[in-house]
N, C-alpha and C. Protein backbone atom coordinates (compact mmCIF):
# COMPACT_ATOMS: atom_id res chain seq x y z
N ASP A 1 -52.48 -30.62 -58.55
CA ASP A 1 -51.82 -29.67 -59.52
C ASP A 1 -52.35 -28.22 -59.40
N ASP A 2 -53.56 -28.26 -59.13
CA ASP A 2 -53.97 -26.71 -58.79
C ASP A 2 -53.61 -26.50 -57.39
N THR A 3 -53.37 -27.41 -56.02
CA THR A 3 -52.94 -27.04 -55.22
C THR A 3 -51.63 -26.75 -55.30
N ARG A 4 -50.55 -26.69 -56.49
CA ARG A 4 -49.16 -26.55 -56.43
C ARG A 4 -49.48 -25.23 -56.65
N ARG A 5 -50.18 -24.72 -57.77
CA ARG A 5 -50.87 -23.83 -58.72
C ARG A 5 -50.72 -22.43 -57.34
N GLN A 6 -51.59 -22.90 -56.20
CA GLN A 6 -52.53 -21.82 -55.26
C GLN A 6 -50.66 -21.41 -54.17
N VAL A 7 -49.76 -22.38 -54.47
CA VAL A 7 -49.14 -22.74 -53.25
C VAL A 7 -47.69 -21.66 -53.70
N ALA A 8 -47.53 -21.68 -55.35
CA ALA A 8 -46.57 -20.82 -56.36
C ALA A 8 -47.08 -19.90 -56.11
N ALA A 9 -48.48 -19.09 -56.31
CA ALA A 9 -48.71 -18.26 -56.11
C ALA A 9 -48.94 -17.10 -54.99
N ALA A 10 -48.89 -18.12 -53.85
CA ALA A 10 -48.80 -17.53 -52.19
C ALA A 10 -47.22 -17.26 -51.98
N ARG A 11 -45.90 -17.91 -52.38
CA ARG A 11 -45.24 -18.09 -52.29
C ARG A 11 -44.61 -16.36 -53.51
N LEU A 12 -45.25 -16.54 -54.25
CA LEU A 12 -44.57 -15.46 -55.47
C LEU A 12 -45.35 -14.27 -54.20
N ASP A 13 -46.73 -13.56 -54.17
CA ASP A 13 -46.99 -13.40 -53.19
C ASP A 13 -46.28 -12.80 -52.38
N ALA A 14 -46.05 -13.43 -51.68
CA ALA A 14 -45.13 -12.83 -50.15
C ALA A 14 -43.96 -12.68 -50.25
N LEU A 15 -43.16 -13.44 -51.56
CA LEU A 15 -41.77 -12.79 -51.84
C LEU A 15 -42.29 -10.85 -52.17
N GLU A 16 -42.92 -11.04 -53.22
CA GLU A 16 -43.23 -9.48 -53.57
C GLU A 16 -43.61 -8.38 -52.67
N ASN A 17 -44.59 -8.85 -51.55
CA ASN A 17 -44.34 -8.12 -50.45
C ASN A 17 -43.24 -7.83 -49.68
N ASP A 18 -42.70 -8.56 -49.64
CA ASP A 18 -41.02 -8.54 -48.21
C ASP A 18 -40.27 -7.67 -49.31
N ASN A 19 -40.08 -7.82 -50.82
CA ASN A 19 -39.22 -7.01 -51.79
C ASN A 19 -39.77 -5.47 -51.06
N ALA A 20 -41.30 -5.19 -51.29
CA ALA A 20 -41.55 -4.04 -50.92
C ALA A 20 -41.17 -3.15 -49.59
N GLU A 21 -41.61 -4.13 -48.41
CA GLU A 21 -41.13 -3.65 -47.05
C GLU A 21 -39.89 -3.25 -47.34
N ALA A 22 -39.13 -4.13 -47.86
CA ALA A 22 -37.30 -3.73 -47.72
C ALA A 22 -37.09 -2.60 -48.59
N GLU A 23 -37.61 -2.58 -49.86
CA GLU A 23 -37.09 -1.37 -50.24
C GLU A 23 -37.58 0.17 -49.83
N ALA A 24 -38.91 0.12 -48.92
CA ALA A 24 -39.71 1.21 -48.51
C ALA A 24 -38.87 1.35 -47.85
N ALA A 25 -37.75 0.79 -46.73
CA ALA A 25 -37.32 0.96 -45.90
C ALA A 25 -35.49 1.83 -45.93
N ASP A 26 -35.71 1.51 -47.41
CA ASP A 26 -34.34 1.85 -47.58
C ASP A 26 -33.49 3.38 -47.77
N ASP A 27 -33.06 4.32 -48.27
CA ASP A 27 -32.45 5.39 -48.21
C ASP A 27 -33.44 6.72 -48.25
N ASP A 28 -34.75 6.14 -48.37
CA ASP A 28 -36.01 7.66 -48.11
C ASP A 28 -36.23 8.20 -47.05
N SER A 29 -35.68 7.50 -45.52
CA SER A 29 -35.78 7.34 -44.94
C SER A 29 -35.10 8.75 -43.99
N GLU A 30 -33.97 9.42 -44.57
CA GLU A 30 -33.46 10.49 -43.98
C GLU A 30 -33.60 11.75 -44.89
N TYR A 31 -34.84 12.00 -45.56
CA TYR A 31 -35.44 12.45 -46.38
C TYR A 31 -36.76 12.48 -46.34
N GLU A 32 -37.06 13.73 -46.51
CA GLU A 32 -39.04 14.43 -46.26
C GLU A 32 -39.30 15.24 -47.18
N MET A 33 -40.64 15.33 -47.84
CA MET A 33 -41.29 15.88 -48.71
C MET A 33 -41.66 16.88 -47.82
N GLU A 34 -41.39 18.12 -48.68
CA GLU A 34 -42.32 19.76 -47.90
C GLU A 34 -43.61 19.51 -48.47
N GLU A 35 -44.31 19.99 -47.40
CA GLU A 35 -46.14 20.00 -47.56
C GLU A 35 -45.60 21.38 -48.44
N GLY A 36 -46.81 20.90 -49.80
CA GLY A 36 -47.04 21.66 -50.37
C GLY A 36 -46.48 22.16 -51.84
N GLU A 37 -45.56 21.26 -52.17
CA GLU A 37 -44.84 21.69 -53.27
C GLU A 37 -44.48 20.45 -54.26
N GLY A 38 -44.33 20.53 -55.57
CA GLY A 38 -44.56 19.60 -56.51
C GLY A 38 -42.98 19.30 -57.13
N VAL A 39 -43.31 19.92 -58.63
CA VAL A 39 -42.40 19.84 -59.58
C VAL A 39 -41.07 20.44 -58.85
N GLY A 40 -40.73 20.13 -58.97
CA GLY A 40 -38.88 21.69 -59.13
C GLY A 40 -38.18 21.24 -57.59
N THR A 41 -39.04 21.28 -56.44
CA THR A 41 -38.29 21.53 -55.50
C THR A 41 -38.54 20.15 -54.80
N VAL A 42 -37.62 19.52 -54.05
CA VAL A 42 -38.36 18.28 -53.48
C VAL A 42 -38.20 17.99 -52.06
N LEU A 43 -36.87 17.33 -52.03
CA LEU A 43 -36.89 16.72 -50.85
C LEU A 43 -35.77 17.24 -49.84
N LYS A 44 -36.51 17.81 -48.55
CA LYS A 44 -35.67 18.08 -47.58
C LYS A 44 -35.24 17.08 -46.41
N LYS A 45 -33.54 17.34 -46.09
CA LYS A 45 -32.88 16.58 -45.61
C LYS A 45 -33.46 16.66 -43.59
N LYS A 46 -33.71 15.41 -43.15
CA LYS A 46 -34.08 15.77 -41.84
C LYS A 46 -32.88 15.88 -41.34
N GLY A 47 -33.00 17.06 -39.88
CA GLY A 47 -32.02 17.14 -38.67
C GLY A 47 -31.08 18.36 -39.57
N GLY A 48 -31.48 19.20 -40.47
CA GLY A 48 -31.22 20.29 -40.78
C GLY A 48 -29.73 20.31 -41.85
N GLY A 49 -28.74 19.90 -40.61
CA GLY A 49 -27.53 19.52 -41.69
C GLY A 49 -27.02 20.60 -42.32
N LYS A 50 -25.81 20.39 -43.39
CA LYS A 50 -25.22 21.34 -44.53
C LYS A 50 -26.36 21.66 -45.28
N GLY A 51 -26.25 22.18 -46.13
CA GLY A 51 -26.80 21.86 -48.08
C GLY A 51 -28.15 22.91 -47.57
N GLY A 52 -28.99 22.38 -48.41
CA GLY A 52 -30.22 23.19 -48.38
C GLY A 52 -31.43 22.18 -49.25
N LYS A 53 -31.95 22.78 -50.02
CA LYS A 53 -33.10 21.56 -50.96
C LYS A 53 -32.02 20.94 -51.84
N ARG A 54 -32.84 19.91 -52.50
CA ARG A 54 -32.49 18.89 -53.28
C ARG A 54 -33.53 19.34 -54.80
N THR A 55 -32.92 19.53 -55.66
CA THR A 55 -34.12 19.23 -56.59
C THR A 55 -33.89 17.98 -57.72
N THR A 56 -35.02 17.88 -58.15
CA THR A 56 -34.80 16.81 -58.79
C THR A 56 -35.00 16.73 -60.47
N ARG A 57 -34.87 18.53 -60.90
CA ARG A 57 -34.47 18.17 -62.09
C ARG A 57 -35.97 18.49 -62.77
N GLY A 58 -37.12 18.74 -61.91
CA GLY A 58 -38.57 18.86 -62.89
C GLY A 58 -39.35 17.62 -62.57
N ALA A 59 -38.64 16.52 -61.98
CA ALA A 59 -39.13 15.40 -61.73
C ALA A 59 -40.57 15.57 -60.08
N VAL A 60 -41.21 14.77 -60.31
CA VAL A 60 -42.18 14.88 -59.07
C VAL A 60 -41.81 13.47 -58.27
N ALA A 61 -41.08 13.82 -56.79
CA ALA A 61 -40.76 12.74 -56.12
C ALA A 61 -41.73 12.80 -55.58
N THR A 62 -41.85 10.83 -55.46
CA THR A 62 -43.20 10.20 -55.18
C THR A 62 -42.32 9.47 -54.46
N LYS A 63 -42.69 8.17 -53.11
CA LYS A 63 -42.32 6.72 -52.84
C LYS A 63 -43.23 6.01 -53.53
N LYS A 64 -42.28 4.96 -54.27
CA LYS A 64 -43.05 3.91 -54.82
C LYS A 64 -41.50 2.80 -54.33
N GLY A 65 -42.36 1.90 -54.27
CA GLY A 65 -41.62 0.94 -54.32
C GLY A 65 -41.58 -0.08 -55.07
N PRO A 66 -41.21 -1.27 -54.71
CA PRO A 66 -40.63 -2.09 -56.36
C PRO A 66 -42.24 -2.47 -56.92
N ARG A 67 -42.46 -2.60 -58.18
CA ARG A 67 -43.79 -3.35 -58.75
C ARG A 67 -43.80 -5.01 -59.21
N SER A 68 -44.69 -5.56 -59.31
CA SER A 68 -44.72 -6.87 -59.73
C SER A 68 -44.30 -6.63 -61.47
N PHE A 69 -44.01 -7.37 -62.20
CA PHE A 69 -44.57 -7.41 -63.76
C PHE A 69 -45.50 -7.23 -64.52
N ALA A 70 -46.76 -8.13 -63.50
CA ALA A 70 -48.04 -7.39 -63.88
C ALA A 70 -48.26 -6.11 -63.49
N ALA A 71 -48.14 -5.56 -62.55
CA ALA A 71 -48.45 -4.30 -62.49
C ALA A 71 -47.83 -2.90 -63.23
N HIS A 72 -46.84 -3.37 -63.82
CA HIS A 72 -45.97 -2.64 -65.33
C HIS A 72 -46.69 -2.97 -66.32
N LEU A 73 -46.96 -4.03 -67.02
CA LEU A 73 -48.23 -4.45 -67.95
C LEU A 73 -49.39 -3.80 -67.44
N ASP A 74 -49.99 -3.33 -66.71
CA ASP A 74 -51.56 -2.51 -66.40
C ASP A 74 -51.02 -1.32 -66.45
N GLU A 75 -49.68 -0.75 -66.06
CA GLU A 75 -49.64 0.76 -66.09
C GLU A 75 -49.32 0.87 -67.73
N ALA A 76 -48.98 0.06 -68.31
CA ALA A 76 -48.35 0.63 -69.65
C ALA A 76 -49.47 0.43 -70.59
N MET A 77 -51.01 0.03 -69.93
CA MET A 77 -52.61 0.44 -70.83
C MET A 77 -52.08 -0.13 -72.12
N LEU A 78 -51.47 -1.41 -72.17
CA LEU A 78 -52.04 -2.36 -73.60
C LEU A 78 -52.99 -2.54 -74.49
N ASP A 79 -54.00 -2.55 -73.68
CA ASP A 79 -55.04 -2.46 -74.46
C ASP A 79 -55.68 -1.09 -75.28
N ARG A 80 -54.64 -0.28 -74.71
CA ARG A 80 -55.07 1.05 -75.69
C ARG A 80 -54.65 1.06 -76.90
N VAL A 81 -53.43 0.55 -77.03
CA VAL A 81 -52.36 0.46 -78.18
C VAL A 81 -53.24 0.06 -79.73
N PRO A 82 -52.96 0.71 -80.49
CA PRO A 82 -53.49 0.29 -82.00
C PRO A 82 -52.93 -1.27 -82.18
N ARG A 83 -54.11 -1.92 -82.78
CA ARG A 83 -53.38 -3.48 -83.26
C ARG A 83 -52.23 -3.41 -84.06
N GLU A 84 -51.78 -2.68 -84.94
CA GLU A 84 -51.03 -2.26 -85.98
C GLU A 84 -49.80 -2.45 -85.08
N ILE A 85 -49.27 -2.03 -83.87
CA ILE A 85 -48.49 -1.62 -82.93
C ILE A 85 -48.28 -2.69 -82.25
N PRO A 86 -46.91 -3.78 -82.45
CA PRO A 86 -46.59 -4.79 -81.40
C PRO A 86 -46.51 -4.34 -80.17
N THR A 87 -47.04 -5.31 -79.37
CA THR A 87 -46.69 -4.99 -77.76
C THR A 87 -45.71 -6.20 -76.92
N TYR A 88 -46.21 -6.44 -75.77
CA TYR A 88 -45.41 -7.42 -75.12
C TYR A 88 -46.35 -8.50 -74.93
N LEU A 89 -47.35 -8.11 -75.67
CA LEU A 89 -48.25 -9.52 -75.52
C LEU A 89 -48.44 -10.28 -76.70
N THR A 90 -47.99 -9.33 -77.80
CA THR A 90 -48.30 -9.45 -79.49
C THR A 90 -47.37 -9.60 -80.09
N ALA A 91 -46.26 -9.50 -79.31
CA ALA A 91 -44.74 -9.64 -80.15
C ALA A 91 -44.51 -11.52 -80.35
N ALA A 92 -44.47 -11.57 -81.81
CA ALA A 92 -44.36 -12.88 -82.08
C ALA A 92 -43.17 -13.12 -83.30
N ALA A 93 -42.47 -13.97 -83.14
CA ALA A 93 -41.76 -14.34 -84.54
C ALA A 93 -42.30 -15.41 -85.13
N GLY A 94 -42.31 -15.51 -86.75
CA GLY A 94 -42.55 -16.59 -87.18
C GLY A 94 -41.81 -17.49 -87.53
N PRO A 95 -41.81 -18.62 -88.27
CA PRO A 95 -41.21 -19.37 -88.88
C PRO A 95 -40.09 -18.81 -89.69
N SER A 96 -38.51 -19.09 -90.10
CA SER A 96 -38.17 -18.61 -90.42
C SER A 96 -38.09 -18.75 -92.22
N VAL A 97 -38.24 -17.98 -93.33
CA VAL A 97 -38.40 -17.94 -94.40
C VAL A 97 -37.03 -18.42 -95.36
N THR A 98 -35.73 -17.77 -94.83
CA THR A 98 -34.72 -17.79 -95.51
C THR A 98 -33.69 -19.33 -95.10
N SER A 99 -34.11 -19.97 -94.21
CA SER A 99 -33.28 -21.16 -93.71
C SER A 99 -34.52 -22.46 -93.79
N THR A 100 -34.09 -23.47 -94.29
CA THR A 100 -35.00 -24.70 -93.84
C THR A 100 -35.12 -24.91 -91.95
N ALA A 101 -35.87 -25.65 -91.98
CA ALA A 101 -36.05 -26.30 -90.22
C ALA A 101 -34.62 -27.13 -89.97
N ARG A 102 -34.55 -27.17 -89.14
CA ARG A 102 -33.26 -27.91 -88.21
C ARG A 102 -33.83 -28.95 -87.75
N LYS A 103 -32.78 -29.71 -88.11
CA LYS A 103 -32.93 -31.41 -87.76
C LYS A 103 -32.45 -31.38 -86.57
N TYR A 104 -32.87 -31.97 -85.59
CA TYR A 104 -32.12 -32.31 -83.92
C TYR A 104 -32.29 -34.04 -84.07
N CYS A 105 -31.86 -34.39 -83.07
CA CYS A 105 -31.21 -35.72 -82.48
C CYS A 105 -32.43 -35.97 -81.43
N SER A 106 -33.40 -37.09 -81.70
CA SER A 106 -34.27 -37.38 -81.15
C SER A 106 -33.89 -37.91 -79.62
N VAL A 107 -32.67 -38.48 -79.38
CA VAL A 107 -32.47 -38.87 -77.62
C VAL A 107 -32.02 -37.90 -77.30
N CYS A 108 -30.79 -37.38 -78.07
CA CYS A 108 -30.04 -36.31 -76.94
C CYS A 108 -30.14 -34.90 -77.57
N GLY A 109 -30.85 -34.37 -78.94
CA GLY A 109 -30.55 -33.18 -79.26
C GLY A 109 -29.99 -32.45 -79.90
N TYR A 110 -28.48 -32.96 -80.52
CA TYR A 110 -27.50 -32.57 -80.76
C TYR A 110 -28.34 -32.31 -82.15
N ALA A 111 -27.35 -31.78 -83.34
CA ALA A 111 -27.73 -31.94 -84.75
C ALA A 111 -27.79 -33.43 -85.29
N SER A 112 -28.56 -33.56 -85.75
CA SER A 112 -28.79 -35.21 -86.74
C SER A 112 -28.70 -35.09 -87.74
N ASN A 113 -28.19 -36.11 -88.72
CA ASN A 113 -27.89 -36.08 -90.06
C ASN A 113 -28.35 -37.77 -90.43
N TYR A 114 -29.49 -38.88 -89.57
CA TYR A 114 -29.68 -39.85 -89.88
C TYR A 114 -31.38 -39.81 -89.34
N ASN A 115 -32.21 -40.87 -90.35
CA ASN A 115 -33.34 -41.20 -90.18
C ASN A 115 -33.54 -42.63 -89.16
N CYS A 116 -34.73 -42.79 -88.56
CA CYS A 116 -34.90 -44.23 -88.32
C CYS A 116 -35.83 -44.56 -89.28
N ALA A 117 -35.36 -45.82 -90.12
CA ALA A 117 -36.18 -46.47 -91.51
C ALA A 117 -37.71 -46.90 -91.00
N ARG A 118 -37.38 -47.22 -89.65
CA ARG A 118 -38.98 -47.63 -89.41
C ARG A 118 -40.28 -46.90 -89.25
N CYS A 119 -39.49 -45.67 -88.08
CA CYS A 119 -40.39 -44.62 -87.87
C CYS A 119 -40.22 -43.12 -88.31
N GLY A 120 -39.16 -43.14 -88.67
CA GLY A 120 -38.67 -41.72 -89.58
C GLY A 120 -38.45 -40.37 -88.55
N MET A 121 -37.79 -40.99 -87.36
CA MET A 121 -37.13 -40.00 -86.21
C MET A 121 -36.14 -39.56 -86.35
N LYS A 122 -35.41 -38.75 -85.81
CA LYS A 122 -33.84 -38.34 -86.19
C LYS A 122 -33.11 -39.03 -84.83
N PHE A 123 -31.60 -39.15 -85.40
CA PHE A 123 -30.54 -39.55 -84.35
C PHE A 123 -29.24 -39.25 -85.27
N CYS A 124 -27.73 -38.78 -84.23
CA CYS A 124 -27.12 -38.32 -84.39
C CYS A 124 -26.20 -39.28 -84.76
N SER A 125 -26.39 -40.45 -84.08
CA SER A 125 -24.99 -41.58 -84.00
C SER A 125 -25.37 -42.85 -83.78
N ARG A 126 -24.63 -43.92 -83.68
CA ARG A 126 -25.00 -45.54 -83.08
C ARG A 126 -25.52 -45.17 -82.14
N LYS A 127 -25.07 -44.54 -81.12
CA LYS A 127 -25.27 -44.74 -79.72
C LYS A 127 -27.02 -44.62 -79.48
N CYS A 128 -27.34 -42.94 -79.91
CA CYS A 128 -28.47 -42.78 -80.00
C CYS A 128 -29.53 -43.47 -81.02
N ASN A 129 -28.70 -44.41 -81.70
CA ASN A 129 -29.57 -44.96 -82.81
C ASN A 129 -30.46 -46.53 -82.07
N ALA A 130 -29.10 -46.54 -81.15
CA ALA A 130 -29.20 -48.11 -80.38
C ALA A 130 -30.73 -47.67 -78.40
N VAL A 131 -30.57 -46.43 -77.97
CA VAL A 131 -31.13 -45.88 -77.76
C VAL A 131 -32.68 -45.89 -78.27
N HIS A 132 -32.78 -45.02 -79.01
CA HIS A 132 -34.19 -45.15 -79.96
C HIS A 132 -34.69 -46.52 -80.19
N ALA A 133 -34.00 -47.12 -80.86
CA ALA A 133 -34.64 -48.75 -81.31
C ALA A 133 -35.00 -49.46 -79.83
N GLU A 134 -34.20 -49.23 -78.83
CA GLU A 134 -34.21 -50.47 -77.66
C GLU A 134 -36.08 -49.57 -77.02
N THR A 135 -35.82 -48.12 -76.92
CA THR A 135 -37.29 -47.54 -76.02
C THR A 135 -38.05 -46.33 -76.77
N ARG A 136 -37.81 -45.68 -77.63
CA ARG A 136 -38.63 -44.92 -78.44
C ARG A 136 -38.89 -44.75 -79.45
N CYS A 137 -38.63 -46.05 -80.38
CA CYS A 137 -39.09 -46.41 -81.58
C CYS A 137 -40.43 -46.55 -81.77
N LEU A 138 -41.55 -46.01 -82.23
CA LEU A 138 -42.79 -45.88 -82.58
C LEU A 138 -43.41 -47.30 -83.25
N LYS A 139 -42.64 -47.96 -84.80
CA LYS A 139 -43.26 -48.58 -85.30
C LYS A 139 -42.25 -49.96 -84.40
N PHE A 140 -43.00 -51.17 -83.96
CA PHE A 140 -42.57 -52.28 -83.75
C PHE A 140 -42.81 -53.18 -84.76
N THR A 141 -42.00 -53.97 -84.97
CA THR A 141 -42.18 -55.22 -85.73
C THR A 141 -42.68 -56.47 -84.94
N ALA A 142 -43.60 -57.35 -85.57
CA ALA A 142 -44.09 -58.51 -84.60
C ALA A 142 -43.64 -59.73 -85.38
């Protein structure tokens, strides 16, 4: 079980590294950042060509590749958010207060209307009752 987790983690890391290399080599190769300039002016097209400077409308141009979900969570600094504000890590839904618990068949998962007389588990049809009685009923009679 531990080795499976290690293999899965290694595959995930390899996939993220492959994605980062592929994204870095995409469209940014034809533009370059001018030295000493930050907000406002940005990228100059390589090779001269028509036009001139492109603007980013106030954003700073930086080359960033794709990031993992964990990196996004780290950037969000969720540990600094006050406790009363729900975050991705603390958001949870409680049980419904307006409706009763739903009752599903223990064999097939459909909505059930019947209970086993011996053990109380739910079933939806005669066929599911037969399967339940043969294999899943917990109260065997001697």
